[in-house]
């Protein structure tokens, strides 16, 4: 098998695109070169962030890191394949 060839520029072009991730509306915020991975930020749900002592502090958007390729680089990661583009 050969490695999947996805360029970082192709992934960077996705920054700002809205997607559904496991039923949550998100926006592609950043591309991490190591992996590579996409960082998504929820646009419709917040979660409560705790302080260093575990006490609830504030509401912040949830973030997700989605790998693009499997660890061996041979296949596209199932989480990446599950992303649904949203046409706004």
PDB file of N, CA and C in Angstrom:
ATOM      1  N   UNK A   1       0.838  -1.192   0.000  1.00  0.00           N
ATOM      2  CA  UNK A   1       0.000   0.000   0.000  1.00  0.00           C
ATOM      3  C   UNK A   1       0.874   1.244   0.000  1.00  0.00           C
ATOM      4  N   UNK A   2       0.364   2.283  -0.602  1.00  0.00           N
ATOM      5  CA  UNK A   2       1.113   3.533  -0.616  1.00  0.00           C
ATOM      6  C   UNK A   2       0.470   4.522   0.349  1.00  0.00           C
ATOM      7  N   UNK A   3       1.246   5.504   0.731  1.00  0.00           N
ATOM      8  CA  UNK A   3       0.749   6.524   1.658  1.00  0.00           C
ATOM      9  C   UNK A   3      -0.249   7.434   0.954  1.00  0.00           C
ATOM     10  N   UNK A   4      -1.226   7.912   1.699  1.00  0.00           N
ATOM     11  CA  UNK A   4      -2.191   8.889   1.193  1.00  0.00           C
ATOM     12  C   UNK A   4      -1.466  10.228   1.119  1.00  0.00           C
ATOM     13  N   UNK A   5      -1.628  10.930   0.022  1.00  0.00           N
ATOM     14  CA  UNK A   5      -0.937  12.198  -0.155  1.00  0.00           C
ATOM     15  C   UNK A   5      -1.952  13.348  -0.114  1.00  0.00           C
ATOM     16  N   UNK A   6      -2.060  13.980   1.050  1.00  0.00           N
ATOM     17  CA  UNK A   6      -2.902  15.164   1.213  1.00  0.00           C
ATOM     18  C   UNK A   6      -1.981  16.305   1.615  1.00  0.00           C
ATOM     19  N   UNK A   7      -1.998  17.379   0.848  1.00  0.00           N
ATOM     20  CA  UNK A   7      -1.085  18.484   1.143  1.00  0.00           C
ATOM     21  C   UNK A   7      -1.632  19.352   2.273  1.00  0.00           C
ATOM     22  N   UNK A   8      -0.710  19.986   2.977  1.00  0.00           N
ATOM     23  CA  UNK A   8      -1.107  20.908   4.037  1.00  0.00           C
ATOM     24  C   UNK A   8      -1.881  22.089   3.469  1.00  0.00           C
ATOM     25  N   UNK A   9      -1.550  22.497   2.237  1.00  0.00           N
ATOM     26  CA  UNK A   9      -2.271  23.616   1.618  1.00  0.00           C
ATOM     27  C   UNK A   9      -3.727  23.249   1.368  1.00  0.00           C
ATOM     28  N   UNK A  10      -3.981  22.011   0.951  1.00  0.00           N
ATOM     29  CA  UNK A  10      -5.363  21.566   0.763  1.00  0.00           C
ATOM     30  C   UNK A  10      -6.123  21.634   2.081  1.00  0.00           C
ATOM     31  N   UNK A  11      -5.476  21.204   3.157  1.00  0.00           N
ATOM     32  CA  UNK A  11      -6.118  21.246   4.463  1.00  0.00           C
ATOM     33  C   UNK A  11      -6.296  22.677   4.946  1.00  0.00           C
ATOM     34  N   UNK A  12      -5.310  23.529   4.717  1.00  0.00           N
ATOM     35  CA  UNK A  12      -5.420  24.932   5.145  1.00  0.00           C
ATOM     36  C   UNK A  12      -6.555  25.647   4.433  1.00  0.00           C
ATOM     37  N   UNK A  13      -6.859  25.218   3.226  1.00  0.00           N
ATOM     38  CA  UNK A  13      -7.992  25.802   2.493  1.00  0.00           C
ATOM     39  C   UNK A  13      -9.321  25.511   3.182  1.00  0.00           C
ATOM     40  N   UNK A  14      -9.329  24.560   4.104  1.00  0.00           N
ATOM     41  CA  UNK A  14     -10.550  24.224   4.840  1.00  0.00           C
ATOM     42  C   UNK A  14     -10.778  25.140   6.039  1.00  0.00           C
ATOM     43  N   UNK A  15      -9.794  25.952   6.412  1.00  0.00           N
ATOM     44  CA  UNK A  15      -9.964  26.844   7.560  1.00  0.00           C
ATOM     45  C   UNK A  15     -11.143  27.781   7.299  1.00  0.00           C
ATOM     46  N   UNK A  16     -12.049  27.843   8.256  1.00  0.00           N
ATOM     47  CA  UNK A  16     -13.244  28.673   8.123  1.00  0.00           C
ATOM     48  C   UNK A  16     -14.458  27.925   7.604  1.00  0.00           C
ATOM     49  N   UNK A  17     -14.268  26.700   7.121  1.00  0.00           N
ATOM     50  CA  UNK A  17     -15.370  25.902   6.602  1.00  0.00           C
ATOM     51  C   UNK A  17     -16.178  25.353   7.771  1.00  0.00           C
ATOM     52  N   UNK A  18     -17.496  25.360   7.637  1.00  0.00           N
ATOM     53  CA  UNK A  18     -18.385  24.819   8.668  1.00  0.00           C
ATOM     54  C   UNK A  18     -18.679  23.355   8.360  1.00  0.00           C
ATOM     55  N   UNK A  19     -18.633  22.525   9.404  1.00  0.00           N
ATOM     56  CA  UNK A  19     -18.871  21.090   9.267  1.00  0.00           C
ATOM     57  C   UNK A  19     -19.715  20.602  10.440  1.00  0.00           C
ATOM     58  N   UNK A  20     -20.325  19.448  10.249  1.00  0.00           N
ATOM     59  CA  UNK A  20     -20.970  18.730  11.348  1.00  0.00           C
ATOM     60  C   UNK A  20     -19.991  17.668  11.830  1.00  0.00           C
ATOM     61  N   UNK A  21     -19.741  17.643  13.137  1.00  0.00           N
ATOM     62  CA  UNK A  21     -18.914  16.604  13.745  1.00  0.00           C
ATOM     63  C   UNK A  21     -19.738  15.954  14.849  1.00  0.00           C
ATOM     64  N   UNK A  22     -20.132  14.713  14.620  1.00  0.00           N
ATOM     65  CA  UNK A  22     -20.944  13.958  15.573  1.00  0.00           C
ATOM     66  C   UNK A  22     -22.188  14.745  16.002  1.00  0.00           C
ATOM     67  N   UNK A  23     -22.841  15.382  15.025  1.00  0.00           N
ATOM     68  CA  UNK A  23     -24.073  16.106  15.276  1.00  0.00           C
ATOM     69  C   UNK A  23     -23.900  17.519  15.808  1.00  0.00           C
ATOM     70  N   UNK A  24     -22.678  17.974  15.950  1.00  0.00           N
ATOM     71  CA  UNK A  24     -22.395  19.321  16.474  1.00  0.00           C
ATOM     72  C   UNK A  24     -21.896  20.191  15.325  1.00  0.00           C
ATOM     73  N   UNK A  25     -22.451  21.391  15.203  1.00  0.00           N
ATOM     74  CA  UNK A  25     -21.988  22.329  14.189  1.00  0.00           C
ATOM     75  C   UNK A  25     -20.667  22.928  14.628  1.00  0.00           C
ATOM     76  N   UNK A  26     -19.657  22.826  13.757  1.00  0.00           N
ATOM     77  CA  UNK A  26     -18.313  23.300  14.082  1.00  0.00           C
ATOM     78  C   UNK A  26     -17.738  24.083  12.910  1.00  0.00           C
ATOM     79  N   UNK A  27     -16.667  24.793  13.191  1.00  0.00           N
ATOM     80  CA  UNK A  27     -15.906  25.501  12.169  1.00  0.00           C
ATOM     81  C   UNK A  27     -14.462  25.035  12.256  1.00  0.00           C
ATOM     82  N   UNK A  28     -13.824  24.832  11.103  1.00  0.00           N
ATOM     83  CA  UNK A  28     -12.412  24.455  11.088  1.00  0.00           C
ATOM     84  C   UNK A  28     -11.614  25.687  11.500  1.00  0.00           C
ATOM     85  N   UNK A  29     -10.882  25.554  12.600  1.00  0.00           N
ATOM     86  CA  UNK A  29     -10.166  26.675  13.195  1.00  0.00           C
ATOM     87  C   UNK A  29      -8.694  26.695  12.798  1.00  0.00           C
ATOM     88  N   UNK A  30      -8.095  25.513  12.713  1.00  0.00           N
ATOM     89  CA  UNK A  30      -6.648  25.441  12.510  1.00  0.00           C
ATOM     90  C   UNK A  30      -6.282  24.073  11.940  1.00  0.00           C
ATOM     91  N   UNK A  31      -5.107  24.015  11.300  1.00  0.00           N
ATOM     92  CA  UNK A  31      -4.547  22.757  10.814  1.00  0.00           C
ATOM     93  C   UNK A  31      -3.249  22.507  11.574  1.00  0.00           C
ATOM     94  N   UNK A  32      -3.155  21.347  12.194  1.00  0.00           N
ATOM     95  CA  UNK A  32      -1.917  20.952  12.869  1.00  0.00           C
ATOM     96  C   UNK A  32      -1.107  20.099  11.901  1.00  0.00           C
ATOM     97  N   UNK A  33       0.131  20.490  11.653  1.00  0.00           N
ATOM     98  CA  UNK A  33       0.962  19.791  10.684  1.00  0.00           C
ATOM     99  C   UNK A  33       1.329  18.386  11.130  1.00  0.00           C
ATOM    100  N   UNK A  34       1.502  18.206  12.433  1.00  0.00           N
ATOM    101  CA  UNK A  34       1.866  16.896  12.949  1.00  0.00           C
ATOM    102  C   UNK A  34       0.655  15.992  12.898  1.00  0.00           C
ATOM    103  N   UNK A  35       0.665  15.059  12.040  1.00  0.00           N
ATOM    104  CA  UNK A  35      -0.465  14.136  11.915  1.00  0.00           C
ATOM    105  C   UNK A  35      -0.879  13.924  10.478  1.00  0.00           C
ATOM    106  N   UNK A  36      -1.367  14.853   9.752  1.00  0.00           N
ATOM    107  CA  UNK A  36      -1.937  16.147  10.138  1.00  0.00           C
ATOM    108  C   UNK A  36      -3.308  15.972  10.800  1.00  0.00           C
ATOM    109  N   UNK A  37      -3.765  17.046  11.439  1.00  0.00           N
ATOM    110  CA  UNK A  37      -5.055  17.044  12.113  1.00  0.00           C
ATOM    111  C   UNK A  37      -5.752  18.377  11.898  1.00  0.00           C
ATOM    112  N   UNK A  38      -7.071  18.354  11.999  1.00  0.00           N
ATOM    113  CA  UNK A  38      -7.866  19.574  11.950  1.00  0.00           C
ATOM    114  C   UNK A  38      -8.335  19.903  13.357  1.00  0.00           C
ATOM    115  N   UNK A  39      -8.314  21.165  13.708  1.00  0.00           N
ATOM    116  CA  UNK A  39      -8.871  21.616  14.983  1.00  0.00           C
ATOM    117  C   UNK A  39     -10.202  22.268  14.665  1.00  0.00           C
ATOM    118  N   UNK A  40     -11.253  21.738  15.296  1.00  0.00           N
ATOM    119  CA  UNK A  40     -12.603  22.260  15.108  1.00  0.00           C
ATOM    120  C   UNK A  40     -13.050  22.964  16.375  1.00  0.00           C
ATOM    121  N   UNK A  41     -13.865  24.011  16.209  1.00  0.00           N
ATOM    122  CA  UNK A  41     -14.449  24.704  17.352  1.00  0.00           C
ATOM    123  C   UNK A  41     -15.960  24.691  17.182  1.00  0.00           C
ATOM    124  N   UNK A  42     -16.660  24.331  18.238  1.00  0.00           N
ATOM    125  CA  UNK A  42     -18.113  24.270  18.209  1.00  0.00           C
ATOM    126  C   UNK A  42     -18.677  25.678  18.049  1.00  0.00           C
ATOM    127  N   UNK A  43     -19.675  25.793  17.178  1.00  0.00           N
ATOM    128  CA  UNK A  43     -20.311  27.106  16.984  1.00  0.00           C
ATOM    129  C   UNK A  43     -21.684  27.177  17.634  1.00  0.00           C
ATOM    130  N   UNK A  44     -22.175  26.045  18.159  1.00  0.00           N
ATOM    131  CA  UNK A  44     -23.518  26.102  18.729  1.00  0.00           C
ATOM    132  C   UNK A  44     -23.622  25.517  20.137  1.00  0.00           C
ATOM    133  N   UNK A  45     -22.567  24.989  20.690  1.00  0.00           N
ATOM    134  CA  UNK A  45     -22.621  24.442  22.036  1.00  0.00           C
ATOM    135  C   UNK A  45     -21.401  24.885  22.827  1.00  0.00           C
ATOM    136  N   UNK A  46     -21.609  25.262  24.062  1.00  0.00           N
ATOM    137  CA  UNK A  46     -20.508  25.601  24.959  1.00  0.00           C
ATOM    138  C   UNK A  46     -20.441  24.554  26.056  1.00  0.00           C
ATOM    139  N   UNK A  47     -19.280  24.424  26.642  1.00  0.00           N
ATOM    140  CA  UNK A  47     -19.183  23.584  27.828  1.00  0.00           C
ATOM    141  C   UNK A  47     -18.532  24.405  28.930  1.00  0.00           C
ATOM    142  N   UNK A  48     -18.669  23.937  30.152  1.00  0.00           N
ATOM    143  CA  UNK A  48     -18.154  24.682  31.298  1.00  0.00           C
ATOM    144  C   UNK A  48     -16.703  24.312  31.535  1.00  0.00           C
ATOM    145  N   UNK A  49     -15.844  25.331  31.543  1.00  0.00           N
ATOM    146  CA  UNK A  49     -14.423  25.134  31.778  1.00  0.00           C
ATOM    147  C   UNK A  49     -14.140  25.273  33.272  1.00  0.00           C
ATOM    148  N   UNK A  50     -13.402  24.330  33.801  1.00  0.00           N
ATOM    149  CA  UNK A  50     -13.066  24.361  35.224  1.00  0.00           C
ATOM    150  C   UNK A  50     -11.747  25.084  35.440  1.00  0.00           C
ATOM    151  N   UNK A  51     -11.580  25.649  36.648  1.00  0.00           N
ATOM    152  CA  UNK A  51     -10.300  26.252  36.997  1.00  0.00           C
ATOM    153  C   UNK A  51      -9.349  25.150  37.473  1.00  0.00           C
ATOM    154  N   UNK A  52      -8.175  25.534  37.948  1.00  0.00           N
ATOM    155  CA  UNK A  52      -7.159  24.550  38.330  1.00  0.00           C
ATOM    156  C   UNK A  52      -7.583  23.680  39.514  1.00  0.00           C
ATOM    157  N   UNK A  53      -8.620  24.089  40.219  1.00  0.00           N
ATOM    158  CA  UNK A  53      -9.105  23.325  41.370  1.00  0.00           C
ATOM    159  C   UNK A  53     -10.334  22.486  41.037  1.00  0.00           C
ATOM    160  N   UNK A  54     -10.769  22.530  39.781  1.00  0.00           N
ATOM    161  CA  UNK A  54     -11.926  21.760  39.367  1.00  0.00           C
ATOM    162  C   UNK A  54     -13.251  22.457  39.542  1.00  0.00           C
ATOM    163  N   UNK A  55     -13.212  23.716  39.952  1.00  0.00           N
ATOM    164  CA  UNK A  55     -14.449  24.483  40.129  1.00  0.00           C
ATOM    165  C   UNK A  55     -14.906  25.062  38.795  1.00  0.00           C
ATOM    166  N   UNK A  56     -16.216  25.028  38.519  1.00  0.00           N
ATOM    167  CA  UNK A  56     -16.701  25.599  37.258  1.00  0.00           C
ATOM    168  C   UNK A  56     -16.367  27.089  37.192  1.00  0.00           C
ATOM    169  N   UNK A  57     -15.837  27.507  36.072  1.00  0.00           N
ATOM    170  CA  UNK A  57     -15.347  28.877  35.958  1.00  0.00           C
ATOM    171  C   UNK A  57     -16.115  29.692  34.922  1.00  0.00           C
ATOM    172  N   UNK A  58     -16.180  29.165  33.671  1.00  0.00           N
ATOM    173  CA  UNK A  58     -16.818  29.937  32.597  1.00  0.00           C
ATOM    174  C   UNK A  58     -17.245  28.992  31.480  1.00  0.00           C
ATOM    175  N   UNK A  59     -18.096  29.518  30.612  1.00  0.00           N
ATOM    176  CA  UNK A  59     -18.558  28.750  29.458  1.00  0.00           C
ATOM    177  C   UNK A  59     -17.665  29.088  28.266  1.00  0.00           C
ATOM    178  N   UNK A  60     -17.182  28.056  27.600  1.00  0.00           N
ATOM    179  CA  UNK A  60     -16.308  28.236  26.435  1.00  0.00           C
ATOM    180  C   UNK A  60     -16.745  27.272  25.335  1.00  0.00           C
ATOM    181  N   UNK A  61     -16.462  27.610  24.070  1.00  0.00           N
ATOM    182  CA  UNK A  61     -16.779  26.680  22.984  1.00  0.00           C
ATOM    183  C   UNK A  61     -15.928  25.413  23.115  1.00  0.00           C
ATOM    184  N   UNK A  62     -16.524  24.294  22.774  1.00  0.00           N
ATOM    185  CA  UNK A  62     -15.800  23.030  22.816  1.00  0.00           C
ATOM    186  C   UNK A  62     -14.920  22.919  21.577  1.00  0.00           C
ATOM    187  N   UNK A  63     -13.744  22.343  21.726  1.00  0.00           N
ATOM    188  CA  UNK A  63     -12.849  22.127  20.593  1.00  0.00           C
ATOM    189  C   UNK A  63     -12.604  20.632  20.410  1.00  0.00           C
ATOM    190  N   UNK A  64     -12.332  20.267  19.173  1.00  0.00           N
ATOM    191  CA  UNK A  64     -12.069  18.870  18.813  1.00  0.00           C
ATOM    192  C   UNK A  64     -10.849  18.830  17.912  1.00  0.00           C
ATOM    193  N   UNK A  65     -10.027  17.818  18.069  1.00  0.00           N
ATOM    194  CA  UNK A  65      -8.891  17.586  17.177  1.00  0.00           C
ATOM    195  C   UNK A  65      -9.183  16.317  16.384  1.00  0.00           C
ATOM    196  N   UNK A  66      -9.259  16.453  15.074  1.00  0.00           N
ATOM    197  CA  UNK A  66      -9.637  15.358  14.195  1.00  0.00           C
ATOM    198  C   UNK A  66      -8.432  14.967  13.343  1.00  0.00           C
ATOM    199  N   UNK A  67      -7.927  13.748  13.506  1.00  0.00           N
ATOM    200  CA  UNK A  67      -6.820  13.304  12.654  1.00  0.00           C
ATOM    201  C   UNK A  67      -7.302  13.114  11.218  1.00  0.00           C
ATOM    202  N   UNK A  68      -6.460  13.468  10.266  1.00  0.00           N
ATOM    203  CA  UNK A  68      -6.810  13.320   8.855  1.00  0.00           C
ATOM    204  C   UNK A  68      -6.466  11.916   8.367  1.00  0.00           C
ATOM    205  N   UNK A  69      -5.321  11.405   8.791  1.00  0.00           N
ATOM    206  CA  UNK A  69      -4.860  10.081   8.375  1.00  0.00           C
ATOM    207  C   UNK A  69      -4.745   9.154   9.575  1.00  0.00           C
ATOM    208  N   UNK A  70      -4.799   7.855   9.315  1.00  0.00           N
ATOM    209  CA  UNK A  70      -4.554   6.879  10.369  1.00  0.00           C
ATOM    210  C   UNK A  70      -3.092   6.972  10.779  1.00  0.00           C
ATOM    211  N   UNK A  71      -2.740   6.358  11.886  1.00  0.00           N
ATOM    212  CA  UNK A  71      -1.375   6.484  12.422  1.00  0.00           C
ATOM    213  C   UNK A  71      -0.314   5.954  11.465  1.00  0.00           C
ATOM    214  N   UNK A  72      -0.651   4.985  10.623  1.00  0.00           N
ATOM    215  CA  UNK A  72       0.334   4.467   9.672  1.00  0.00           C
ATOM    216  C   UNK A  72       0.362   5.252   8.357  1.00  0.00           C
ATOM    217  N   UNK A  73      -0.548   6.224   8.200  1.00  0.00           N
ATOM    218  CA  UNK A  73      -0.569   7.066   7.005  1.00  0.00           C
ATOM    219  C   UNK A  73      -1.083   6.361   5.762  1.00  0.00           C
ATOM    220  N   UNK A  74      -1.651   5.176   5.934  1.00  0.00           N
ATOM    221  CA  UNK A  74      -2.112   4.387   4.789  1.00  0.00           C
ATOM    222  C   UNK A  74      -3.560   4.671   4.399  1.00  0.00           C
ATOM    223  N   UNK A  75      -4.337   5.190   5.342  1.00  0.00           N
ATOM    224  CA  UNK A  75      -5.756   5.407   5.080  1.00  0.00           C
ATOM    225  C   UNK A  75      -6.218   6.731   5.674  1.00  0.00           C
ATOM    226  N   UNK A  76      -7.333   7.223   5.157  1.00  0.00           N
ATOM    227  CA  UNK A  76      -7.947   8.414   5.730  1.00  0.00           C
ATOM    228  C   UNK A  76      -8.661   7.991   7.012  1.00  0.00           C
ATOM    229  N   UNK A  77      -8.499   8.772   8.066  1.00  0.00           N
ATOM    230  CA  UNK A  77      -9.050   8.438   9.377  1.00  0.00           C
ATOM    231  C   UNK A  77     -10.579   8.457   9.338  1.00  0.00           C
ATOM    232  N   UNK A  78     -11.240   7.494   9.996  1.00  0.00           N
ATOM    233  CA  UNK A  78     -12.714   7.454  10.004  1.00  0.00           C
ATOM    234  C   UNK A  78     -13.364   8.723  10.551  1.00  0.00           C
ATOM    235  N   UNK A  79     -12.772   9.372  11.556  1.00  0.00           N
ATOM    236  CA  UNK A  79     -13.352  10.614  12.087  1.00  0.00           C
ATOM    237  C   UNK A  79     -13.350  11.721  11.038  1.00  0.00           C
ATOM    238  N   UNK A  80     -12.297  11.776  10.224  1.00  0.00           N
ATOM    239  CA  UNK A  80     -12.226  12.767   9.145  1.00  0.00           C
ATOM    240  C   UNK A  80     -13.291  12.460   8.087  1.00  0.00           C
ATOM    241  N   UNK A  81     -13.453  11.188   7.776  1.00  0.00           N
ATOM    242  CA  UNK A  81     -14.449  10.792   6.772  1.00  0.00           C
ATOM    243  C   UNK A  81     -15.877  11.089   7.232  1.00  0.00           C
ATOM    244  N   UNK A  82     -16.116  11.105   8.540  1.00  0.00           N
ATOM    245  CA  UNK A  82     -17.453  11.344   9.073  1.00  0.00           C
ATOM    246  C   UNK A  82     -17.850  12.819   9.059  1.00  0.00           C
ATOM    247  N   UNK A  83     -16.912  13.733   8.838  1.00  0.00           N
ATOM    248  CA  UNK A  83     -17.253  15.154   8.819  1.00  0.00           C
ATOM    249  C   UNK A  83     -18.178  15.448   7.644  1.00  0.00           C
ATOM    250  N   UNK A  84     -19.242  16.183   7.926  1.00  0.00           N
ATOM    251  CA  UNK A  84     -20.196  16.595   6.888  1.00  0.00           C
ATOM    252  C   UNK A  84     -20.072  18.091   6.671  1.00  0.00           C
ATOM    253  N   UNK A  85     -19.837  18.499   5.418  1.00  0.00           N
ATOM    254  CA  UNK A  85     -19.770  19.924   5.097  1.00  0.00           C
ATOM    255  C   UNK A  85     -21.145  20.561   5.229  1.00  0.00           C
ATOM    256  N   UNK A  86     -21.163  21.798   5.690  1.00  0.00           N
ATOM    257  CA  UNK A  86     -22.403  22.556   5.802  1.00  0.00           C
ATOM    258  C   UNK A  86     -22.371  23.654   4.758  1.00  0.00           C
ATOM    259  N   UNK A  87     -23.395  23.716   3.976  1.00  0.00           N
ATOM    260  CA  UNK A  87     -23.495  24.753   2.939  1.00  0.00           C
ATOM    261  C   UNK A  87     -24.237  25.935   3.528  1.00  0.00           C
ATOM    262  N   UNK A  88     -23.504  27.018   3.830  1.00  0.00           N
ATOM    263  CA  UNK A  88     -24.137  28.212   4.416  1.00  0.00           C
ATOM    264  C   UNK A  88     -24.486  29.211   3.356  1.00  0.00           C
TER     265      UNK A  88
END
